[in-house]
Full PDB file with SEQRES, HELIX, SHEET, SSBOND, CRYST1, ORIGX, SCALE, CONECT and MASTER records, all heavy atoms in Angstrom:
SEQRES   1 A   37  VAL MET PRO LEU SER LEU HIS ALA ALA ASN ALA LEU THR          
SEQRES   2 A   37  GLY ALA THR GLY LEU THR LEU LEU LEU PRO GLY GLY ARG          
SEQRES   3 A   37  PRO ARG PRO GLY GLU LEU ALA LEU THR GLY PRO                  
HELIX    1 AA1 LEU A    6  LEU A   12  1                                   7    
CRYST1    1.000    1.000    1.000  90.00  90.00  90.00 P 1           1          
ORIGX1      1.000000  0.000000  0.000000        0.00000                         
ORIGX2      0.000000  1.000000  0.000000        0.00000                         
ORIGX3      0.000000  0.000000  1.000000        0.00000                         
SCALE1      1.000000  0.000000  0.000000        0.00000                         
SCALE2      0.000000  1.000000  0.000000        0.00000                         
SCALE3      0.000000  0.000000  1.000000        0.00000                         
ATOM      1  N   VAL A   1     -83.468  63.386  49.779  1.00  0.00           N  
ATOM      2  CA  VAL A   1     -84.551  62.510  49.497  1.00  0.00           C  
ATOM      3  C   VAL A   1     -84.615  61.341  50.444  1.00  0.00           C  
ATOM      4  O   VAL A   1     -83.516  60.667  50.578  1.00  0.00           O  
ATOM      5  CB  VAL A   1     -84.552  62.078  48.036  1.00  0.00           C  
ATOM      6  CG1 VAL A   1     -85.735  61.095  47.739  1.00  0.00           C  
ATOM      7  CG2 VAL A   1     -84.530  63.150  47.037  1.00  0.00           C  
ATOM      8  N   MET A   2     -85.762  61.084  51.015  1.00  0.00           N  
ATOM      9  CA  MET A   2     -85.949  59.814  51.768  1.00  0.00           C  
ATOM     10  C   MET A   2     -86.894  58.977  50.978  1.00  0.00           C  
ATOM     11  O   MET A   2     -88.116  59.279  50.924  1.00  0.00           O  
ATOM     12  CB  MET A   2     -86.431  60.097  53.141  1.00  0.00           C  
ATOM     13  CG  MET A   2     -86.691  58.799  53.896  1.00  0.00           C  
ATOM     14  SD  MET A   2     -87.344  58.956  55.696  1.00  0.00           S  
ATOM     15  CE  MET A   2     -85.884  59.407  56.496  1.00  0.00           C  
ATOM     16  N   PRO A   3     -86.469  57.807  50.427  1.00  0.00           N  
ATOM     17  CA  PRO A   3     -87.388  56.923  49.801  1.00  0.00           C  
ATOM     18  C   PRO A   3     -88.036  55.973  50.766  1.00  0.00           C  
ATOM     19  O   PRO A   3     -87.321  55.596  51.760  1.00  0.00           O  
ATOM     20  CB  PRO A   3     -86.518  56.248  48.759  1.00  0.00           C  
ATOM     21  CG  PRO A   3     -85.128  56.098  49.382  1.00  0.00           C  
ATOM     22  CD  PRO A   3     -85.062  57.457  50.245  1.00  0.00           C  
ATOM     23  N   LEU A   4     -89.207  55.485  50.510  1.00  0.00           N  
ATOM     24  CA  LEU A   4     -89.942  54.698  51.422  1.00  0.00           C  
ATOM     25  C   LEU A   4     -90.040  53.224  50.898  1.00  0.00           C  
ATOM     26  O   LEU A   4     -90.956  52.472  51.316  1.00  0.00           O  
ATOM     27  CB  LEU A   4     -91.256  55.204  51.811  1.00  0.00           C  
ATOM     28  CG  LEU A   4     -91.261  56.582  52.481  1.00  0.00           C  
ATOM     29  CD1 LEU A   4     -92.716  57.048  52.809  1.00  0.00           C  
ATOM     30  CD2 LEU A   4     -90.463  56.402  53.817  1.00  0.00           C  
ATOM     31  N   SER A   5     -89.153  52.942  49.924  1.00  0.00           N  
ATOM     32  CA  SER A   5     -89.092  51.529  49.424  1.00  0.00           C  
ATOM     33  C   SER A   5     -87.728  51.287  49.037  1.00  0.00           C  
ATOM     34  O   SER A   5     -86.887  52.097  48.722  1.00  0.00           O  
ATOM     35  CB  SER A   5     -89.984  51.305  48.307  1.00  0.00           C  
ATOM     36  OG  SER A   5     -89.465  51.729  47.066  1.00  0.00           O  
ATOM     37  N   LEU A   6     -87.291  49.948  49.156  1.00  0.00           N  
ATOM     38  CA  LEU A   6     -85.988  49.628  48.704  1.00  0.00           C  
ATOM     39  C   LEU A   6     -85.782  49.673  47.243  1.00  0.00           C  
ATOM     40  O   LEU A   6     -84.715  49.885  46.759  1.00  0.00           O  
ATOM     41  CB  LEU A   6     -85.625  48.197  49.209  1.00  0.00           C  
ATOM     42  CG  LEU A   6     -85.657  47.961  50.734  1.00  0.00           C  
ATOM     43  CD1 LEU A   6     -85.252  46.558  51.104  1.00  0.00           C  
ATOM     44  CD2 LEU A   6     -84.815  48.996  51.407  1.00  0.00           C  
ATOM     45  N   HIS A   7     -86.854  49.619  46.483  1.00  0.00           N  
ATOM     46  CA  HIS A   7     -86.754  49.781  44.953  1.00  0.00           C  
ATOM     47  C   HIS A   7     -86.304  51.141  44.692  1.00  0.00           C  
ATOM     48  O   HIS A   7     -85.379  51.309  43.844  1.00  0.00           O  
ATOM     49  CB  HIS A   7     -88.130  49.521  44.381  1.00  0.00           C  
ATOM     50  CG  HIS A   7     -88.545  48.077  44.281  1.00  0.00           C  
ATOM     51  ND1 HIS A   7     -87.832  47.045  43.674  1.00  0.00           N  
ATOM     52  CD2 HIS A   7     -89.675  47.408  44.772  1.00  0.00           C  
ATOM     53  CE1 HIS A   7     -88.434  45.987  43.741  1.00  0.00           C  
ATOM     54  NE2 HIS A   7     -89.492  46.101  44.468  1.00  0.00           N  
ATOM     55  N   ALA A   8     -87.017  52.169  45.267  1.00  0.00           N  
ATOM     56  CA  ALA A   8     -86.533  53.562  45.097  1.00  0.00           C  
ATOM     57  C   ALA A   8     -85.290  53.875  45.719  1.00  0.00           C  
ATOM     58  O   ALA A   8     -84.508  54.679  45.154  1.00  0.00           O  
ATOM     59  CB  ALA A   8     -87.665  54.418  45.746  1.00  0.00           C  
ATOM     60  N   ALA A   9     -84.909  53.289  46.934  1.00  0.00           N  
ATOM     61  CA  ALA A   9     -83.614  53.463  47.358  1.00  0.00           C  
ATOM     62  C   ALA A   9     -82.505  53.084  46.487  1.00  0.00           C  
ATOM     63  O   ALA A   9     -81.459  53.763  46.267  1.00  0.00           O  
ATOM     64  CB  ALA A   9     -83.487  52.862  48.709  1.00  0.00           C  
ATOM     65  N   ASN A  10     -82.700  51.907  45.873  1.00  0.00           N  
ATOM     66  CA  ASN A  10     -81.733  51.391  44.929  1.00  0.00           C  
ATOM     67  C   ASN A  10     -81.589  52.333  43.731  1.00  0.00           C  
ATOM     68  O   ASN A  10     -80.506  52.548  43.134  1.00  0.00           O  
ATOM     69  CB  ASN A  10     -82.147  49.990  44.410  1.00  0.00           C  
ATOM     70  CG  ASN A  10     -81.194  49.370  43.468  1.00  0.00           C  
ATOM     71  OD1 ASN A  10     -79.984  49.165  43.791  1.00  0.00           O  
ATOM     72  ND2 ASN A  10     -81.575  49.071  42.341  1.00  0.00           N  
ATOM     73  N   ALA A  11     -82.720  52.898  43.202  1.00  0.00           N  
ATOM     74  CA  ALA A  11     -82.704  53.844  42.128  1.00  0.00           C  
ATOM     75  C   ALA A  11     -81.877  55.161  42.472  1.00  0.00           C  
ATOM     76  O   ALA A  11     -81.364  55.773  41.490  1.00  0.00           O  
ATOM     77  CB  ALA A  11     -84.105  54.249  41.752  1.00  0.00           C  
ATOM     78  N   LEU A  12     -81.867  55.479  43.674  1.00  0.00           N  
ATOM     79  CA  LEU A  12     -81.214  56.746  44.094  1.00  0.00           C  
ATOM     80  C   LEU A  12     -79.767  56.477  44.613  1.00  0.00           C  
ATOM     81  O   LEU A  12     -79.047  57.481  44.703  1.00  0.00           O  
ATOM     82  CB  LEU A  12     -82.096  57.501  45.180  1.00  0.00           C  
ATOM     83  CG  LEU A  12     -83.443  57.938  44.712  1.00  0.00           C  
ATOM     84  CD1 LEU A  12     -84.222  58.321  45.898  1.00  0.00           C  
ATOM     85  CD2 LEU A  12     -83.210  59.089  43.721  1.00  0.00           C  
ATOM     86  N   THR A  13     -79.393  55.301  44.853  1.00  0.00           N  
ATOM     87  CA  THR A  13     -78.047  54.983  45.242  1.00  0.00           C  
ATOM     88  C   THR A  13     -77.001  55.405  44.250  1.00  0.00           C  
ATOM     89  O   THR A  13     -77.163  55.026  43.062  1.00  0.00           O  
ATOM     90  CB  THR A  13     -77.846  53.555  45.720  1.00  0.00           C  
ATOM     91  OG1 THR A  13     -78.786  53.194  46.643  1.00  0.00           O  
ATOM     92  CG2 THR A  13     -76.496  53.174  46.077  1.00  0.00           C  
ATOM     93  N   GLY A  14     -76.028  56.185  44.612  1.00  0.00           N  
ATOM     94  CA  GLY A  14     -74.828  56.519  43.751  1.00  0.00           C  
ATOM     95  C   GLY A  14     -75.230  57.853  43.069  1.00  0.00           C  
ATOM     96  O   GLY A  14     -74.353  58.364  42.260  1.00  0.00           O  
ATOM     97  N   ALA A  15     -76.366  58.499  43.229  1.00  0.00           N  
ATOM     98  CA  ALA A  15     -76.661  59.794  42.701  1.00  0.00           C  
ATOM     99  C   ALA A  15     -75.811  60.776  43.350  1.00  0.00           C  
ATOM    100  O   ALA A  15     -75.783  61.082  44.532  1.00  0.00           O  
ATOM    101  CB  ALA A  15     -78.104  60.119  42.843  1.00  0.00           C  
ATOM    102  N   THR A  16     -74.950  61.459  42.520  1.00  0.00           N  
ATOM    103  CA  THR A  16     -73.829  62.253  43.223  1.00  0.00           C  
ATOM    104  C   THR A  16     -74.326  63.586  43.723  1.00  0.00           C  
ATOM    105  O   THR A  16     -73.703  64.010  44.673  1.00  0.00           O  
ATOM    106  CB  THR A  16     -72.811  62.525  42.066  1.00  0.00           C  
ATOM    107  OG1 THR A  16     -73.357  63.092  40.900  1.00  0.00           O  
ATOM    108  CG2 THR A  16     -72.031  61.263  41.604  1.00  0.00           C  
ATOM    109  N   GLY A  17     -75.356  64.217  43.190  1.00  0.00           N  
ATOM    110  CA  GLY A  17     -75.588  65.473  43.680  1.00  0.00           C  
ATOM    111  C   GLY A  17     -76.798  65.474  44.718  1.00  0.00           C  
ATOM    112  O   GLY A  17     -77.246  66.460  45.224  1.00  0.00           O  
ATOM    113  N   LEU A  18     -77.212  64.185  45.232  1.00  0.00           N  
ATOM    114  CA  LEU A  18     -78.297  64.082  46.017  1.00  0.00           C  
ATOM    115  C   LEU A  18     -77.869  63.489  47.356  1.00  0.00           C  
ATOM    116  O   LEU A  18     -77.026  62.676  47.456  1.00  0.00           O  
ATOM    117  CB  LEU A  18     -79.246  63.023  45.283  1.00  0.00           C  
ATOM    118  CG  LEU A  18     -80.633  62.756  45.917  1.00  0.00           C  
ATOM    119  CD1 LEU A  18     -81.704  62.565  44.908  1.00  0.00           C  
ATOM    120  CD2 LEU A  18     -80.535  61.409  46.680  1.00  0.00           C  
ATOM    121  N   THR A  19     -78.558  64.005  48.449  1.00  0.00           N  
ATOM    122  CA  THR A  19     -78.354  63.486  49.718  1.00  0.00           C  
ATOM    123  C   THR A  19     -79.423  62.453  49.986  1.00  0.00           C  
ATOM    124  O   THR A  19     -80.636  62.739  49.987  1.00  0.00           O  
ATOM    125  CB  THR A  19     -78.349  64.622  50.757  1.00  0.00           C  
ATOM    126  OG1 THR A  19     -77.391  65.537  50.585  1.00  0.00           O  
ATOM    127  CG2 THR A  19     -78.261  63.955  52.198  1.00  0.00           C  
ATOM    128  N   LEU A  20     -79.073  61.212  50.246  1.00  0.00           N  
ATOM    129  CA  LEU A  20     -79.976  60.117  50.401  1.00  0.00           C  
ATOM    130  C   LEU A  20     -80.137  59.709  51.869  1.00  0.00           C  
ATOM    131  O   LEU A  20     -79.111  59.459  52.534  1.00  0.00           O  
ATOM    132  CB  LEU A  20     -79.548  58.885  49.608  1.00  0.00           C  
ATOM    133  CG  LEU A  20     -80.304  57.630  49.662  1.00  0.00           C  
ATOM    134  CD1 LEU A  20     -81.683  57.831  49.091  1.00  0.00           C  
ATOM    135  CD2 LEU A  20     -79.617  56.499  48.933  1.00  0.00           C  
ATOM    136  N   LEU A  21     -81.348  59.784  52.348  1.00  0.00           N  
ATOM    137  CA  LEU A  21     -81.676  59.332  53.694  1.00  0.00           C  
ATOM    138  C   LEU A  21     -82.469  58.098  53.636  1.00  0.00           C  
ATOM    139  O   LEU A  21     -83.375  57.932  52.887  1.00  0.00           O  
ATOM    140  CB  LEU A  21     -82.508  60.468  54.428  1.00  0.00           C  
ATOM    141  CG  LEU A  21     -81.898  61.900  54.518  1.00  0.00           C  
ATOM    142  CD1 LEU A  21     -82.892  62.784  55.230  1.00  0.00           C  
ATOM    143  CD2 LEU A  21     -80.586  61.844  55.280  1.00  0.00           C  
ATOM    144  N   LEU A  22     -82.144  57.104  54.598  1.00  0.00           N  
ATOM    145  CA  LEU A  22     -82.839  55.936  54.600  1.00  0.00           C  
ATOM    146  C   LEU A  22     -83.598  55.642  55.945  1.00  0.00           C  
ATOM    147  O   LEU A  22     -82.935  55.801  56.966  1.00  0.00           O  
ATOM    148  CB  LEU A  22     -81.918  54.691  54.355  1.00  0.00           C  
ATOM    149  CG  LEU A  22     -81.238  54.611  53.007  1.00  0.00           C  
ATOM    150  CD1 LEU A  22     -80.282  53.465  52.908  1.00  0.00           C  
ATOM    151  CD2 LEU A  22     -82.242  54.625  51.911  1.00  0.00           C  
ATOM    152  N   PRO A  23     -84.889  55.454  55.913  1.00  0.00           N  
ATOM    153  CA  PRO A  23     -85.557  55.090  57.191  1.00  0.00           C  
ATOM    154  C   PRO A  23     -85.347  53.695  57.653  1.00  0.00           C  
ATOM    155  O   PRO A  23     -84.840  52.805  56.821  1.00  0.00           O  
ATOM    156  CB  PRO A  23     -87.006  55.378  56.757  1.00  0.00           C  
ATOM    157  CG  PRO A  23     -87.099  54.865  55.381  1.00  0.00           C  
ATOM    158  CD  PRO A  23     -85.737  55.264  54.734  1.00  0.00           C  
ATOM    159  N   GLY A  24     -85.708  53.407  58.810  1.00  0.00           N  
ATOM    160  CA  GLY A  24     -85.717  51.996  59.262  1.00  0.00           C  
ATOM    161  C   GLY A  24     -87.066  51.385  58.849  1.00  0.00           C  
ATOM    162  O   GLY A  24     -87.784  51.950  57.993  1.00  0.00           O  
ATOM    163  N   GLY A  25     -87.271  50.177  59.198  1.00  0.00           N  
ATOM    164  CA  GLY A  25     -88.503  49.531  58.869  1.00  0.00           C  
ATOM    165  C   GLY A  25     -88.375  48.099  58.303  1.00  0.00           C  
ATOM    166  O   GLY A  25     -87.185  47.654  57.968  1.00  0.00           O  
ATOM    167  N   ARG A  26     -89.424  47.507  58.070  1.00  0.00           N  
ATOM    168  CA  ARG A  26     -89.494  46.087  57.543  1.00  0.00           C  
ATOM    169  C   ARG A  26     -90.031  46.189  56.112  1.00  0.00           C  
ATOM    170  O   ARG A  26     -91.147  46.622  55.911  1.00  0.00           O  
ATOM    171  CB  ARG A  26     -90.543  45.241  58.401  1.00  0.00           C  
ATOM    172  CG  ARG A  26     -90.557  43.793  57.880  1.00  0.00           C  
ATOM    173  CD  ARG A  26     -91.554  43.054  58.781  1.00  0.00           C  
ATOM    174  NE  ARG A  26     -92.876  43.555  58.860  1.00  0.00           N  
ATOM    175  CZ  ARG A  26     -93.864  43.324  57.961  1.00  0.00           C  
ATOM    176  NH1 ARG A  26     -93.572  42.482  56.936  1.00  0.00           N  
ATOM    177  NH2 ARG A  26     -95.064  43.871  58.071  1.00  0.00           N  
ATOM    178  N   PRO A  27     -89.277  45.588  55.153  1.00  0.00           N  
ATOM    179  CA  PRO A  27     -89.740  45.662  53.741  1.00  0.00           C  
ATOM    180  C   PRO A  27     -90.787  44.577  53.516  1.00  0.00           C  
ATOM    181  O   PRO A  27     -90.596  43.445  53.900  1.00  0.00           O  
ATOM    182  CB  PRO A  27     -88.404  45.413  52.910  1.00  0.00           C  
ATOM    183  CG  PRO A  27     -87.469  44.799  53.925  1.00  0.00           C  
ATOM    184  CD  PRO A  27     -87.848  45.216  55.262  1.00  0.00           C  
ATOM    185  N   ARG A  28     -91.767  45.010  52.876  1.00  0.00           N  
ATOM    186  CA  ARG A  28     -92.906  44.020  52.490  1.00  0.00           C  
ATOM    187  C   ARG A  28     -92.381  43.266  51.299  1.00  0.00           C  
ATOM    188  O   ARG A  28     -91.800  43.767  50.345  1.00  0.00           O  
ATOM    189  CB  ARG A  28     -94.199  44.806  52.057  1.00  0.00           C  
ATOM    190  CG  ARG A  28     -94.966  45.431  53.140  1.00  0.00           C  
ATOM    191  CD  ARG A  28     -95.960  46.436  52.600  1.00  0.00           C  
ATOM    192  NE  ARG A  28     -96.890  45.618  51.667  1.00  0.00           N  
ATOM    193  CZ  ARG A  28     -97.602  46.343  50.716  1.00  0.00           C  
ATOM    194  NH1 ARG A  28     -97.564  47.693  50.716  1.00  0.00           N  
ATOM    195  NH2 ARG A  28     -98.401  45.682  49.873  1.00  0.00           N  
ATOM    196  N   PRO A  29     -92.497  41.874  51.272  1.00  0.00           N  
ATOM    197  CA  PRO A  29     -92.074  41.008  50.230  1.00  0.00           C  
ATOM    198  C   PRO A  29     -92.618  41.507  48.829  1.00  0.00           C  
ATOM    199  O   PRO A  29     -93.822  41.865  48.726  1.00  0.00           O  
ATOM    200  CB  PRO A  29     -92.590  39.569  50.552  1.00  0.00           C  
ATOM    201  CG  PRO A  29     -92.833  39.706  52.085  1.00  0.00           C  
ATOM    202  CD  PRO A  29     -93.217  41.080  52.397  1.00  0.00           C  
ATOM    203  N   GLY A  30     -91.698  41.519  47.908  1.00  0.00           N  
ATOM    204  CA  GLY A  30     -92.214  41.948  46.558  1.00  0.00           C  
ATOM    205  C   GLY A  30     -92.134  43.434  46.399  1.00  0.00           C  
ATOM    206  O   GLY A  30     -91.588  43.982  45.568  1.00  0.00           O  
ATOM    207  N   GLU A  31     -93.022  44.004  47.168  1.00  0.00           N  
ATOM    208  CA  GLU A  31     -93.256  45.476  47.181  1.00  0.00           C  
ATOM    209  C   GLU A  31     -92.013  46.182  47.589  1.00  0.00           C  
ATOM    210  O   GLU A  31     -91.673  47.243  47.093  1.00  0.00           O  
ATOM    211  CB  GLU A  31     -94.480  45.852  47.996  1.00  0.00           C  
ATOM    212  CG  GLU A  31     -94.995  47.234  47.795  1.00  0.00           C  
ATOM    213  CD  GLU A  31     -95.860  47.397  46.507  1.00  0.00           C  
ATOM    214  OE1 GLU A  31     -96.289  46.288  45.944  1.00  0.00           O  
ATOM    215  OE2 GLU A  31     -95.927  48.418  46.003  1.00  0.00           O  
ATOM    216  N   LEU A  32     -91.350  45.688  48.593  1.00  0.00           N  
ATOM    217  CA  LEU A  32     -90.225  46.197  49.245  1.00  0.00           C  
ATOM    218  C   LEU A  32     -90.432  47.634  49.812  1.00  0.00           C  
ATOM    219  O   LEU A  32     -89.607  48.422  50.005  1.00  0.00           O  
ATOM    220  CB  LEU A  32     -88.951  46.287  48.284  1.00  0.00           C  
ATOM    221  CG  LEU A  32     -88.432  44.917  47.757  1.00  0.00           C  
ATOM    222  CD1 LEU A  32     -87.161  45.094  46.913  1.00  0.00           C  
ATOM    223  CD2 LEU A  32     -88.265  43.954  48.945  1.00  0.00           C  
ATOM    224  N   ALA A  33     -91.684  47.894  50.061  1.00  0.00           N  
ATOM    225  CA  ALA A  33     -92.174  49.070  50.793  1.00  0.00           C  
ATOM    226  C   ALA A  33     -91.723  48.912  52.271  1.00  0.00           C  
ATOM    227  O   ALA A  33     -91.942  47.902  52.897  1.00  0.00           O  
ATOM    228  CB  ALA A  33     -93.676  49.252  50.732  1.00  0.00           C  
ATOM    229  N   LEU A  34     -91.239  49.981  52.817  1.00  0.00           N  
ATOM    230  CA  LEU A  34     -90.699  49.995  54.317  1.00  0.00           C  
ATOM    231  C   LEU A  34     -91.907  50.307  55.172  1.00  0.00           C  
ATOM    232  O   LEU A  34     -92.610  51.319  54.967  1.00  0.00           O  
ATOM    233  CB  LEU A  34     -89.626  50.825  54.484  1.00  0.00           C  
ATOM    234  CG  LEU A  34     -88.320  50.483  53.750  1.00  0.00           C  
ATOM    235  CD1 LEU A  34     -87.399  51.672  53.647  1.00  0.00           C  
ATOM    236  CD2 LEU A  34     -87.701  49.324  54.445  1.00  0.00           C  
ATOM    237  N   THR A  35     -92.207  49.492  56.093  1.00  0.00           N  
ATOM    238  CA  THR A  35     -93.357  49.656  56.989  1.00  0.00           C  
ATOM    239  C   THR A  35     -92.970  49.427  58.518  1.00  0.00           C  
ATOM    240  O   THR A  35     -91.987  48.892  58.776  1.00  0.00           O  
ATOM    241  CB  THR A  35     -94.544  48.701  56.566  1.00  0.00           C  
ATOM    242  OG1 THR A  35     -94.139  47.349  56.741  1.00  0.00           O  
ATOM    243  CG2 THR A  35     -95.049  48.971  55.189  1.00  0.00           C  
ATOM    244  N   GLY A  36     -93.885  49.668  59.355  1.00  0.00           N  
ATOM    245  CA  GLY A  36     -93.812  49.455  60.814  1.00  0.00           C  
ATOM    246  C   GLY A  36     -93.417  50.623  61.547  1.00  0.00           C  
ATOM    247  O   GLY A  36     -93.119  51.768  61.054  1.00  0.00           O  
ATOM    248  N   PRO A  37     -93.204  50.436  62.935  1.00  0.00           N  
ATOM    249  CA  PRO A  37     -92.988  51.571  63.769  1.00  0.00           C  
ATOM    250  C   PRO A  37     -91.583  52.269  63.537  1.00  0.00           C  
ATOM    251  O   PRO A  37     -91.432  53.435  63.805  1.00  0.00           O  
ATOM    252  CB  PRO A  37     -92.903  50.878  65.193  1.00  0.00           C  
ATOM    253  CG  PRO A  37     -92.826  49.414  64.842  1.00  0.00           C  
ATOM    254  CD  PRO A  37     -93.435  49.150  63.557  1.00  0.00           C  
TER     255      PRO A  37                                                      
MASTER        0    0    0    1    0    0    0    6  254    1    0    3          
END                                                                             
């Protein structure tokens, strides 16, 4: 799973059976959605 927000990334951190991929990007304030090139 690749989440596109830090909120969702935090929810998936530590999930033992899941492979977590993190994109780069700039988190929008409050929303923490990752955006940009």
